All heavy atoms as atom14 arrays in JSON, in Angstrom:
{
  "sequence": "PTSFFIKGCLQFLLGRVTPRYHGSSVLLFVRNPQLYGFHFLQTG",
  "atom14_mask": [
    [1, 1, 1, 1, 1, 1, 1, 0, 0, 0, 0, 0, 0, 0],
    [1, 1, 1, 1, 1, 1, 1, 0, 0, 0, 0, 0, 0, 0],
    [1, 1, 1, 1, 1, 1, 0, 0, 0, 0, 0, 0, 0, 0],
    [1, 1, 1, 1, 1, 1, 1, 1, 1, 1, 1, 0, 0, 0],
    [1, 1, 1, 1, 1, 1, 1, 1, 1, 1, 1, 0, 0, 0],
    [1, 1, 1, 1, 1, 1, 1, 1, 0, 0, 0, 0, 0, 0],
    [1, 1, 1, 1, 1, 1, 1, 1, 1, 0, 0, 0, 0, 0],
    [1, 1, 1, 1, 0, 0, 0, 0, 0, 0, 0, 0, 0, 0],
    [1, 1, 1, 1, 1, 1, 0, 0, 0, 0, 0, 0, 0, 0],
    [1, 1, 1, 1, 1, 1, 1, 1, 0, 0, 0, 0, 0, 0],
    [1, 1, 1, 1, 1, 1, 1, 1, 1, 0, 0, 0, 0, 0],
    [1, 1, 1, 1, 1, 1, 1, 1, 1, 1, 1, 0, 0, 0],
    [1, 1, 1, 1, 1, 1, 1, 1, 0, 0, 0, 0, 0, 0],
    [1, 1, 1, 1, 1, 1, 1, 1, 0, 0, 0, 0, 0, 0],
    [1, 1, 1, 1, 0, 0, 0, 0, 0, 0, 0, 0, 0, 0],
    [1, 1, 1, 1, 1, 1, 1, 1, 1, 1, 1, 0, 0, 0],
    [1, 1, 1, 1, 1, 1, 1, 0, 0, 0, 0, 0, 0, 0],
    [1, 1, 1, 1, 1, 1, 1, 0, 0, 0, 0, 0, 0, 0],
    [1, 1, 1, 1, 1, 1, 1, 0, 0, 0, 0, 0, 0, 0],
    [1, 1, 1, 1, 1, 1, 1, 1, 1, 1, 1, 0, 0, 0],
    [1, 1, 1, 1, 1, 1, 1, 1, 1, 1, 1, 1, 0, 0],
    [1, 1, 1, 1, 1, 1, 1, 1, 1, 1, 0, 0, 0, 0],
    [1, 1, 1, 1, 0, 0, 0, 0, 0, 0, 0, 0, 0, 0],
    [1, 1, 1, 1, 1, 1, 0, 0, 0, 0, 0, 0, 0, 0],
    [1, 1, 1, 1, 1, 1, 0, 0, 0, 0, 0, 0, 0, 0],
    [1, 1, 1, 1, 1, 1, 1, 0, 0, 0, 0, 0, 0, 0],
    [1, 1, 1, 1, 1, 1, 1, 1, 0, 0, 0, 0, 0, 0],
    [1, 1, 1, 1, 1, 1, 1, 1, 0, 0, 0, 0, 0, 0],
    [1, 1, 1, 1, 1, 1, 1, 1, 1, 1, 1, 0, 0, 0],
    [1, 1, 1, 1, 1, 1, 1, 0, 0, 0, 0, 0, 0, 0],
    [1, 1, 1, 1, 1, 1, 1, 1, 1, 1, 1, 0, 0, 0],
    [1, 1, 1, 1, 1, 1, 1, 1, 0, 0, 0, 0, 0, 0],
    [1, 1, 1, 1, 1, 1, 1, 0, 0, 0, 0, 0, 0, 0],
    [1, 1, 1, 1, 1, 1, 1, 1, 1, 0, 0, 0, 0, 0],
    [1, 1, 1, 1, 1, 1, 1, 1, 0, 0, 0, 0, 0, 0],
    [1, 1, 1, 1, 1, 1, 1, 1, 1, 1, 1, 1, 0, 0],
    [1, 1, 1, 1, 0, 0, 0, 0, 0, 0, 0, 0, 0, 0],
    [1, 1, 1, 1, 1, 1, 1, 1, 1, 1, 1, 0, 0, 0],
    [1, 1, 1, 1, 1, 1, 1, 1, 1, 1, 0, 0, 0, 0],
    [1, 1, 1, 1, 1, 1, 1, 1, 1, 1, 1, 0, 0, 0],
    [1, 1, 1, 1, 1, 1, 1, 1, 0, 0, 0, 0, 0, 0],
    [1, 1, 1, 1, 1, 1, 1, 1, 1, 0, 0, 0, 0, 0],
    [1, 1, 1, 1, 1, 1, 1, 0, 0, 0, 0, 0, 0, 0],
    [1, 1, 1, 1, 0, 0, 0, 0, 0, 0, 0, 0, 0, 0]
  ],
  "atom14_positions": [
    [[-10.97, 29.43, -24.14], [-11.63, 29.35, -22.75], [-12.41, 28.08, -22.56], [-12.41, 27.55, -21.44], [-12.49, 30.54, -22.76], [-12.74, 30.98, -24.09], [-11.51, 30.59, -24.92], [0.0, 0.0, 0.0], [0.0, 0.0, 0.0], [0.0, 0.0, 0.0], [0.0, 0.0, 0.0], [0.0, 0.0, 0.0], [0.0, 0.0, 0.0], [0.0, 0.0, 0.0]],
    [[-13.04, 27.53, -23.58], [-13.77, 26.31, -23.43], [-12.9, 25.14, -23.07], [-13.13, 24.41, -22.22], [-14.55, 25.98, -24.72], [-15.48, 27.1, -25.03], [-15.4, 24.68, -24.56], [0.0, 0.0, 0.0], [0.0, 0.0, 0.0], [0.0, 0.0, 0.0], [0.0, 0.0, 0.0], [0.0, 0.0, 0.0], [0.0, 0.0, 0.0], [0.0, 0.0, 0.0]],
    [[-11.77, 25.04, -23.84], [-10.77, 23.93, -23.6], [-10.2, 24.1, -22.25], [-9.99, 23.05, -21.54], [-9.75, 23.89, -24.71], [-9.05, 25.09, -24.78], [0.0, 0.0, 0.0], [0.0, 0.0, 0.0], [0.0, 0.0, 0.0], [0.0, 0.0, 0.0], [0.0, 0.0, 0.0], [0.0, 0.0, 0.0], [0.0, 0.0, 0.0], [0.0, 0.0, 0.0]],
    [[-9.92, 25.34, -21.84], [-9.31, 25.59, -20.5], [-10.29, 25.1, -19.41], [-9.92, 24.5, -18.46], [-8.97, 27.06, -20.36], [-8.28, 27.34, -19.0], [-6.95, 27.22, -18.86], [-9.04, 27.81, -17.87], [-6.28, 27.5, -17.69], [-8.38, 28.09, -16.76], [-7.01, 27.95, -16.6], [0.0, 0.0, 0.0], [0.0, 0.0, 0.0], [0.0, 0.0, 0.0]],
    [[-11.55, 25.4, -19.57], [-12.57, 25.07, -18.62], [-12.78, 23.57, -18.49], [-12.78, 22.98, -17.41], [-13.92, 25.78, -18.9], [-15.03, 25.35, -17.99], [-15.14, 25.82, -16.66], [-16.02, 24.51, -18.42], [-16.17, 25.46, -15.9], [-17.05, 24.11, -17.62], [-17.16, 24.61, -16.36], [0.0, 0.0, 0.0], [0.0, 0.0, 0.0], [0.0, 0.0, 0.0]],
    [[-12.9, 22.93, -19.66], [-13.16, 21.51, -19.69], [-12.01, 20.7, -19.2], [-12.22, 19.75, -18.39], [-13.58, 21.07, -21.1], [-14.96, 21.64, -21.46], [-13.63, 19.55, -21.24], [-15.45, 21.34, -22.82], [0.0, 0.0, 0.0], [0.0, 0.0, 0.0], [0.0, 0.0, 0.0], [0.0, 0.0, 0.0], [0.0, 0.0, 0.0], [0.0, 0.0, 0.0]],
    [[-10.82, 21.06, -19.62], [-9.66, 20.28, -19.11], [-9.47, 20.43, -17.57], [-9.14, 19.53, -16.84], [-8.38, 20.7, -19.85], [-7.78, 22.05, -19.53], [-6.84, 22.15, -18.37], [-6.39, 23.56, -18.17], [-5.46, 23.66, -16.92], [0.0, 0.0, 0.0], [0.0, 0.0, 0.0], [0.0, 0.0, 0.0], [0.0, 0.0, 0.0], [0.0, 0.0, 0.0]],
    [[-9.79, 21.69, -17.1], [-9.77, 21.91, -15.59], [-10.75, 21.06, -14.9], [-10.47, 20.45, -13.81], [0.0, 0.0, 0.0], [0.0, 0.0, 0.0], [0.0, 0.0, 0.0], [0.0, 0.0, 0.0], [0.0, 0.0, 0.0], [0.0, 0.0, 0.0], [0.0, 0.0, 0.0], [0.0, 0.0, 0.0], [0.0, 0.0, 0.0], [0.0, 0.0, 0.0]],
    [[-11.98, 20.92, -15.39], [-13.02, 20.15, -14.78], [-12.64, 18.62, -14.81], [-12.74, 17.95, -13.77], [-14.34, 20.33, -15.51], [-15.04, 21.93, -15.27], [0.0, 0.0, 0.0], [0.0, 0.0, 0.0], [0.0, 0.0, 0.0], [0.0, 0.0, 0.0], [0.0, 0.0, 0.0], [0.0, 0.0, 0.0], [0.0, 0.0, 0.0], [0.0, 0.0, 0.0]],
    [[-12.08, 18.14, -15.92], [-11.73, 16.76, -16.03], [-10.53, 16.5, -15.11], [-10.52, 15.37, -14.42], [-11.37, 16.43, -17.45], [-12.5, 16.35, -18.43], [-11.99, 16.16, -19.89], [-13.51, 15.27, -18.11], [0.0, 0.0, 0.0], [0.0, 0.0, 0.0], [0.0, 0.0, 0.0], [0.0, 0.0, 0.0], [0.0, 0.0, 0.0], [0.0, 0.0, 0.0]],
    [[-9.61, 17.37, -15.02], [-8.46, 17.14, -14.13], [-8.9, 17.03, -12.65], [-8.33, 16.19, -11.95], [-7.43, 18.27, -14.36], [-6.59, 18.2, -15.66], [-5.7, 19.37, -15.79], [-5.82, 20.41, -15.13], [-4.72, 19.14, -16.68], [0.0, 0.0, 0.0], [0.0, 0.0, 0.0], [0.0, 0.0, 0.0], [0.0, 0.0, 0.0], [0.0, 0.0, 0.0]],
    [[-9.83, 17.83, -12.3], [-10.32, 17.79, -10.87], [-11.21, 16.53, -10.72], [-11.02, 15.86, -9.65], [-11.11, 19.02, -10.5], [-11.72, 19.03, -9.21], [-10.93, 19.25, -8.1], [-13.06, 18.7, -9.0], [-11.43, 19.23, -6.78], [-13.58, 18.71, -7.68], [-12.79, 18.98, -6.63], [0.0, 0.0, 0.0], [0.0, 0.0, 0.0], [0.0, 0.0, 0.0]],
    [[-12.0, 16.18, -11.56], [-12.93, 15.05, -11.42], [-12.1, 13.76, -11.36], [-12.38, 12.89, -10.57], [-13.95, 14.96, -12.61], [-15.01, 16.05, -12.62], [-15.83, 15.96, -13.87], [-15.94, 15.89, -11.38], [0.0, 0.0, 0.0], [0.0, 0.0, 0.0], [0.0, 0.0, 0.0], [0.0, 0.0, 0.0], [0.0, 0.0, 0.0], [0.0, 0.0, 0.0]],
    [[-11.09, 13.6, -12.26], [-10.33, 12.35, -12.28], [-9.18, 12.33, -11.32], [-8.8, 11.26, -10.81], [-9.82, 12.2, -13.73], [-10.9, 12.07, -14.86], [-10.31, 11.99, -16.2], [-11.8, 10.78, -14.55], [0.0, 0.0, 0.0], [0.0, 0.0, 0.0], [0.0, 0.0, 0.0], [0.0, 0.0, 0.0], [0.0, 0.0, 0.0], [0.0, 0.0, 0.0]],
    [[-8.62, 13.5, -11.02], [-7.61, 13.57, -9.98], [-6.38, 12.68, -10.12], [-5.86, 12.13, -9.14], [0.0, 0.0, 0.0], [0.0, 0.0, 0.0], [0.0, 0.0, 0.0], [0.0, 0.0, 0.0], [0.0, 0.0, 0.0], [0.0, 0.0, 0.0], [0.0, 0.0, 0.0], [0.0, 0.0, 0.0], [0.0, 0.0, 0.0], [0.0, 0.0, 0.0]],
    [[-5.88, 12.59, -11.34], [-4.73, 11.68, -11.54], [-3.47, 12.43, -11.09], [-3.16, 13.54, -11.53], [-4.58, 11.3, -13.0], [-3.43, 10.27, -13.11], [-3.11, 9.87, -14.54], [-2.24, 8.74, -14.56], [-1.67, 8.26, -15.7], [-2.02, 8.8, -16.89], [-0.88, 7.24, -15.65], [0.0, 0.0, 0.0], [0.0, 0.0, 0.0], [0.0, 0.0, 0.0]],
    [[-2.72, 11.82, -10.24], [-1.5, 12.39, -9.76], [-0.43, 12.48, -10.88], [-0.33, 11.52, -11.57], [-0.93, 11.59, -8.46], [0.34, 12.23, -8.04], [-1.99, 11.53, -7.44], [0.0, 0.0, 0.0], [0.0, 0.0, 0.0], [0.0, 0.0, 0.0], [0.0, 0.0, 0.0], [0.0, 0.0, 0.0], [0.0, 0.0, 0.0], [0.0, 0.0, 0.0]],
    [[0.24, 13.59, -10.9], [1.26, 13.83, -11.96], [2.53, 13.0, -11.58], [2.67, 12.53, -10.45], [1.66, 15.31, -12.07], [1.98, 15.79, -10.78], [0.48, 16.13, -12.57], [0.0, 0.0, 0.0], [0.0, 0.0, 0.0], [0.0, 0.0, 0.0], [0.0, 0.0, 0.0], [0.0, 0.0, 0.0], [0.0, 0.0, 0.0], [0.0, 0.0, 0.0]],
    [[3.42, 12.77, -12.56], [4.63, 11.99, -12.31], [5.41, 12.55, -11.08], [6.04, 11.74, -10.34], [5.43, 12.09, -13.59], [4.38, 12.27, -14.63], [3.35, 13.18, -13.99], [0.0, 0.0, 0.0], [0.0, 0.0, 0.0], [0.0, 0.0, 0.0], [0.0, 0.0, 0.0], [0.0, 0.0, 0.0], [0.0, 0.0, 0.0], [0.0, 0.0, 0.0]],
    [[5.47, 13.84, -10.92], [6.27, 14.37, -9.86], [5.69, 15.76, -9.53], [5.02, 16.34, -10.31], [7.76, 14.48, -10.26], [8.01, 15.41, -11.37], [9.5, 15.39, -11.85], [9.82, 16.22, -12.93], [10.07, 17.52, -12.86], [10.02, 18.12, -11.69], [10.36, 18.21, -13.96], [0.0, 0.0, 0.0], [0.0, 0.0, 0.0], [0.0, 0.0, 0.0]],
    [[6.09, 16.24, -8.34], [5.67, 17.6, -7.92], [6.7, 18.59, -8.42], [7.82, 18.33, -8.71], [5.58, 17.66, -6.4], [4.41, 17.01, -5.8], [4.57, 16.28, -4.64], [3.17, 16.96, -6.44], [3.44, 15.6, -4.08], [2.06, 16.34, -5.9], [2.22, 15.67, -4.72], [1.15, 14.98, -4.18], [0.0, 0.0, 0.0], [0.0, 0.0, 0.0]],
    [[6.18, 19.88, -8.57], [7.07, 20.99, -8.94], [8.19, 21.12, -8.0], [8.04, 21.17, -6.78], [6.19, 22.22, -9.07], [7.07, 23.48, -9.33], [7.79, 23.57, -10.49], [7.27, 24.62, -8.61], [8.45, 24.76, -10.48], [8.12, 25.38, -9.37], [0.0, 0.0, 0.0], [0.0, 0.0, 0.0], [0.0, 0.0, 0.0], [0.0, 0.0, 0.0]],
    [[9.41, 21.24, -8.51], [10.59, 21.45, -7.71], [11.25, 20.2, -7.15], [12.19, 20.28, -6.44], [0.0, 0.0, 0.0], [0.0, 0.0, 0.0], [0.0, 0.0, 0.0], [0.0, 0.0, 0.0], [0.0, 0.0, 0.0], [0.0, 0.0, 0.0], [0.0, 0.0, 0.0], [0.0, 0.0, 0.0], [0.0, 0.0, 0.0], [0.0, 0.0, 0.0]],
    [[10.65, 19.03, -7.56], [11.23, 17.8, -7.13], [11.43, 16.83, -8.31], [10.6, 16.8, -9.26], [10.37, 17.1, -6.13], [10.79, 15.76, -5.86], [0.0, 0.0, 0.0], [0.0, 0.0, 0.0], [0.0, 0.0, 0.0], [0.0, 0.0, 0.0], [0.0, 0.0, 0.0], [0.0, 0.0, 0.0], [0.0, 0.0, 0.0], [0.0, 0.0, 0.0]],
    [[12.6, 16.15, -8.32], [12.8, 15.2, -9.45], [12.43, 13.75, -9.04], [12.58, 12.85, -9.94], [14.32, 15.22, -9.78], [15.15, 14.84, -8.66], [0.0, 0.0, 0.0], [0.0, 0.0, 0.0], [0.0, 0.0, 0.0], [0.0, 0.0, 0.0], [0.0, 0.0, 0.0], [0.0, 0.0, 0.0], [0.0, 0.0, 0.0], [0.0, 0.0, 0.0]],
    [[11.91, 13.58, -7.86], [11.56, 12.3, -7.42], [10.21, 11.93, -7.98], [9.22, 12.66, -7.84], [11.47, 12.25, -5.84], [11.01, 10.79, -5.38], [12.81, 12.58, -5.22], [0.0, 0.0, 0.0], [0.0, 0.0, 0.0], [0.0, 0.0, 0.0], [0.0, 0.0, 0.0], [0.0, 0.0, 0.0], [0.0, 0.0, 0.0], [0.0, 0.0, 0.0]],
    [[10.14, 10.76, -8.58], [8.87, 10.22, -9.14], [7.95, 9.79, -7.99], [8.31, 9.02, -7.2], [9.12, 9.11, -10.16], [9.93, 9.54, -11.39], [10.23, 8.27, -12.19], [9.08, 10.5, -12.28], [0.0, 0.0, 0.0], [0.0, 0.0, 0.0], [0.0, 0.0, 0.0], [0.0, 0.0, 0.0], [0.0, 0.0, 0.0], [0.0, 0.0, 0.0]],
    [[6.71, 10.28, -7.97], [5.84, 10.07, -6.87], [5.46, 8.59, -6.8], [5.32, 8.08, -5.7], [4.65, 10.94, -6.97], [4.91, 12.49, -6.93], [3.59, 13.22, -7.14], [5.48, 12.82, -5.56], [0.0, 0.0, 0.0], [0.0, 0.0, 0.0], [0.0, 0.0, 0.0], [0.0, 0.0, 0.0], [0.0, 0.0, 0.0], [0.0, 0.0, 0.0]],
    [[5.24, 7.97, -7.9], [4.81, 6.64, -7.84], [5.94, 5.67, -7.41], [5.65, 4.54, -7.08], [4.17, 6.16, -9.19], [5.19, 6.16, -10.42], [5.95, 5.06, -10.6], [5.29, 7.32, -11.21], [6.87, 5.04, -11.66], [6.16, 7.25, -12.26], [6.98, 6.13, -12.47], [0.0, 0.0, 0.0], [0.0, 0.0, 0.0], [0.0, 0.0, 0.0]],
    [[7.16, 6.15, -7.54], [8.34, 5.33, -7.04], [8.42, 5.46, -5.55], [8.61, 4.5, -4.81], [9.66, 5.8, -7.77], [10.84, 5.12, -7.1], [9.57, 5.52, -9.18], [0.0, 0.0, 0.0], [0.0, 0.0, 0.0], [0.0, 0.0, 0.0], [0.0, 0.0, 0.0], [0.0, 0.0, 0.0], [0.0, 0.0, 0.0], [0.0, 0.0, 0.0]],
    [[8.21, 6.65, -5.04], [8.3, 6.89, -3.63], [7.09, 6.27, -2.91], [7.23, 5.69, -1.81], [8.32, 8.37, -3.32], [8.52, 8.68, -1.89], [8.67, 10.24, -1.72], [7.5, 10.98, -2.14], [7.38, 12.26, -2.14], [8.45, 13.03, -1.79], [6.32, 12.92, -2.56], [0.0, 0.0, 0.0], [0.0, 0.0, 0.0], [0.0, 0.0, 0.0]],
    [[5.93, 6.33, -3.53], [4.69, 5.82, -2.94], [3.82, 5.24, -4.07], [3.09, 6.02, -4.72], [3.92, 6.89, -2.18], [2.75, 6.34, -1.46], [2.36, 5.12, -1.59], [1.97, 7.14, -0.71], [0.0, 0.0, 0.0], [0.0, 0.0, 0.0], [0.0, 0.0, 0.0], [0.0, 0.0, 0.0], [0.0, 0.0, 0.0], [0.0, 0.0, 0.0]],
    [[3.89, 3.94, -4.3], [3.09, 3.33, -5.41], [1.65, 3.55, -5.36], [1.0, 3.6, -6.37], [3.43, 1.86, -5.27], [4.77, 1.8, -4.57], [4.77, 2.97, -3.63], [0.0, 0.0, 0.0], [0.0, 0.0, 0.0], [0.0, 0.0, 0.0], [0.0, 0.0, 0.0], [0.0, 0.0, 0.0], [0.0, 0.0, 0.0], [0.0, 0.0, 0.0]],
    [[1.1, 3.81, -4.18], [-0.3, 4.04, -4.08], [-0.83, 5.36, -4.69], [-1.95, 5.55, -4.96], [-0.73, 3.99, -2.58], [-0.62, 2.63, -1.87], [-1.07, 2.65, -0.52], [-1.26, 3.67, 0.15], [-1.22, 1.49, 0.09], [0.0, 0.0, 0.0], [0.0, 0.0, 0.0], [0.0, 0.0, 0.0], [0.0, 0.0, 0.0], [0.0, 0.0, 0.0]],
    [[0.15, 6.24, -4.88], [-0.22, 7.54, -5.55], [-0.47, 7.43, -7.0], [-1.08, 8.33, -7.65], [0.96, 8.6, -5.29], [1.16, 9.08, -3.88], [2.37, 10.06, -3.81], [-0.1, 9.81, -3.38], [0.0, 0.0, 0.0], [0.0, 0.0, 0.0], [0.0, 0.0, 0.0], [0.0, 0.0, 0.0], [0.0, 0.0, 0.0], [0.0, 0.0, 0.0]],
    [[0.07, 6.36, -7.63], [-0.14, 6.15, -9.08], [-1.61, 5.88, -9.35], [-2.26, 5.04, -8.69], [0.71, 5.04, -9.59], [0.57, 4.91, -11.09], [1.21, 5.79, -11.94], [-0.15, 3.89, -11.65], [1.15, 5.66, -13.3], [-0.27, 3.77, -13.05], [0.39, 4.69, -13.91], [0.3, 4.52, -15.23], [0.0, 0.0, 0.0], [0.0, 0.0, 0.0]],
    [[-2.18, 6.6, -10.25], [-3.49, 6.36, -10.69], [-4.48, 7.53, -10.48], [-4.0, 8.67, -10.4], [0.0, 0.0, 0.0], [0.0, 0.0, 0.0], [0.0, 0.0, 0.0], [0.0, 0.0, 0.0], [0.0, 0.0, 0.0], [0.0, 0.0, 0.0], [0.0, 0.0, 0.0], [0.0, 0.0, 0.0], [0.0, 0.0, 0.0], [0.0, 0.0, 0.0]],
    [[-5.72, 7.26, -10.41], [-6.76, 8.27, -10.32], [-7.28, 8.38, -8.93], [-7.66, 7.37, -8.29], [-7.84, 7.97, -11.33], [-7.41, 7.99, -12.73], [-6.95, 6.85, -13.36], [-7.43, 9.23, -13.45], [-6.64, 6.88, -14.68], [-7.06, 9.26, -14.81], [-6.66, 8.02, -15.4], [0.0, 0.0, 0.0], [0.0, 0.0, 0.0], [0.0, 0.0, 0.0]],
    [[-7.3, 9.6, -8.41], [-7.84, 9.83, -7.07], [-8.84, 10.97, -7.22], [-8.53, 12.11, -7.2], [-6.67, 10.28, -6.12], [-5.63, 9.29, -6.07], [-5.57, 8.17, -5.14], [-4.49, 9.12, -6.81], [-4.51, 7.51, -5.31], [-3.83, 7.97, -6.3], [0.0, 0.0, 0.0], [0.0, 0.0, 0.0], [0.0, 0.0, 0.0], [0.0, 0.0, 0.0]],
    [[-10.11, 10.55, -7.36], [-11.14, 11.45, -7.87], [-11.38, 12.62, -6.96], [-11.17, 12.57, -5.69], [-12.4, 10.61, -8.1], [-12.23, 9.47, -8.97], [-12.2, 8.15, -8.51], [-12.12, 9.67, -10.37], [-11.99, 7.09, -9.36], [-11.89, 8.65, -11.2], [-11.82, 7.32, -10.72], [0.0, 0.0, 0.0], [0.0, 0.0, 0.0], [0.0, 0.0, 0.0]],
    [[-11.88, 13.7, -7.62], [-12.18, 14.95, -6.92], [-11.06, 15.58, -6.22], [-11.12, 16.0, -4.99], [-13.37, 14.75, -5.97], [-14.69, 14.22, -6.6], [-15.82, 14.06, -5.57], [-15.07, 15.16, -7.76], [0.0, 0.0, 0.0], [0.0, 0.0, 0.0], [0.0, 0.0, 0.0], [0.0, 0.0, 0.0], [0.0, 0.0, 0.0], [0.0, 0.0, 0.0]],
    [[-9.93, 15.65, -6.92], [-8.82, 16.43, -6.39], [-8.01, 16.89, -7.65], [-8.15, 16.42, -8.73], [-7.92, 15.65, -5.44], [-7.19, 14.48, -6.09], [-6.27, 13.77, -5.13], [-6.52, 13.65, -3.94], [-5.12, 13.39, -5.58], [0.0, 0.0, 0.0], [0.0, 0.0, 0.0], [0.0, 0.0, 0.0], [0.0, 0.0, 0.0], [0.0, 0.0, 0.0]],
    [[-7.17, 17.88, -7.42], [-6.39, 18.38, -8.55], [-5.48, 17.34, -9.14], [-4.84, 16.64, -8.41], [-5.49, 19.55, -8.08], [-6.34, 20.61, -7.51], [-4.74, 20.19, -9.25], [0.0, 0.0, 0.0], [0.0, 0.0, 0.0], [0.0, 0.0, 0.0], [0.0, 0.0, 0.0], [0.0, 0.0, 0.0], [0.0, 0.0, 0.0], [0.0, 0.0, 0.0]],
    [[-5.49, 17.22, -10.48], [-4.77, 16.19, -11.14], [-4.18, 16.68, -12.45], [-4.28, 17.88, -12.81], [0.0, 0.0, 0.0], [0.0, 0.0, 0.0], [0.0, 0.0, 0.0], [0.0, 0.0, 0.0], [0.0, 0.0, 0.0], [0.0, 0.0, 0.0], [0.0, 0.0, 0.0], [0.0, 0.0, 0.0], [0.0, 0.0, 0.0], [0.0, 0.0, 0.0]]
  ]
}
């Protein structure tokens, strides 16, 4: 539970967009380069 909680907090704080969304094979950073990287305070 500790690792689950801490990883969840870090993922939200750092907000790094994943390579692609569920159900899509399109790489997000290819479709929109601005999505690559950290977008703080959102699910990542």
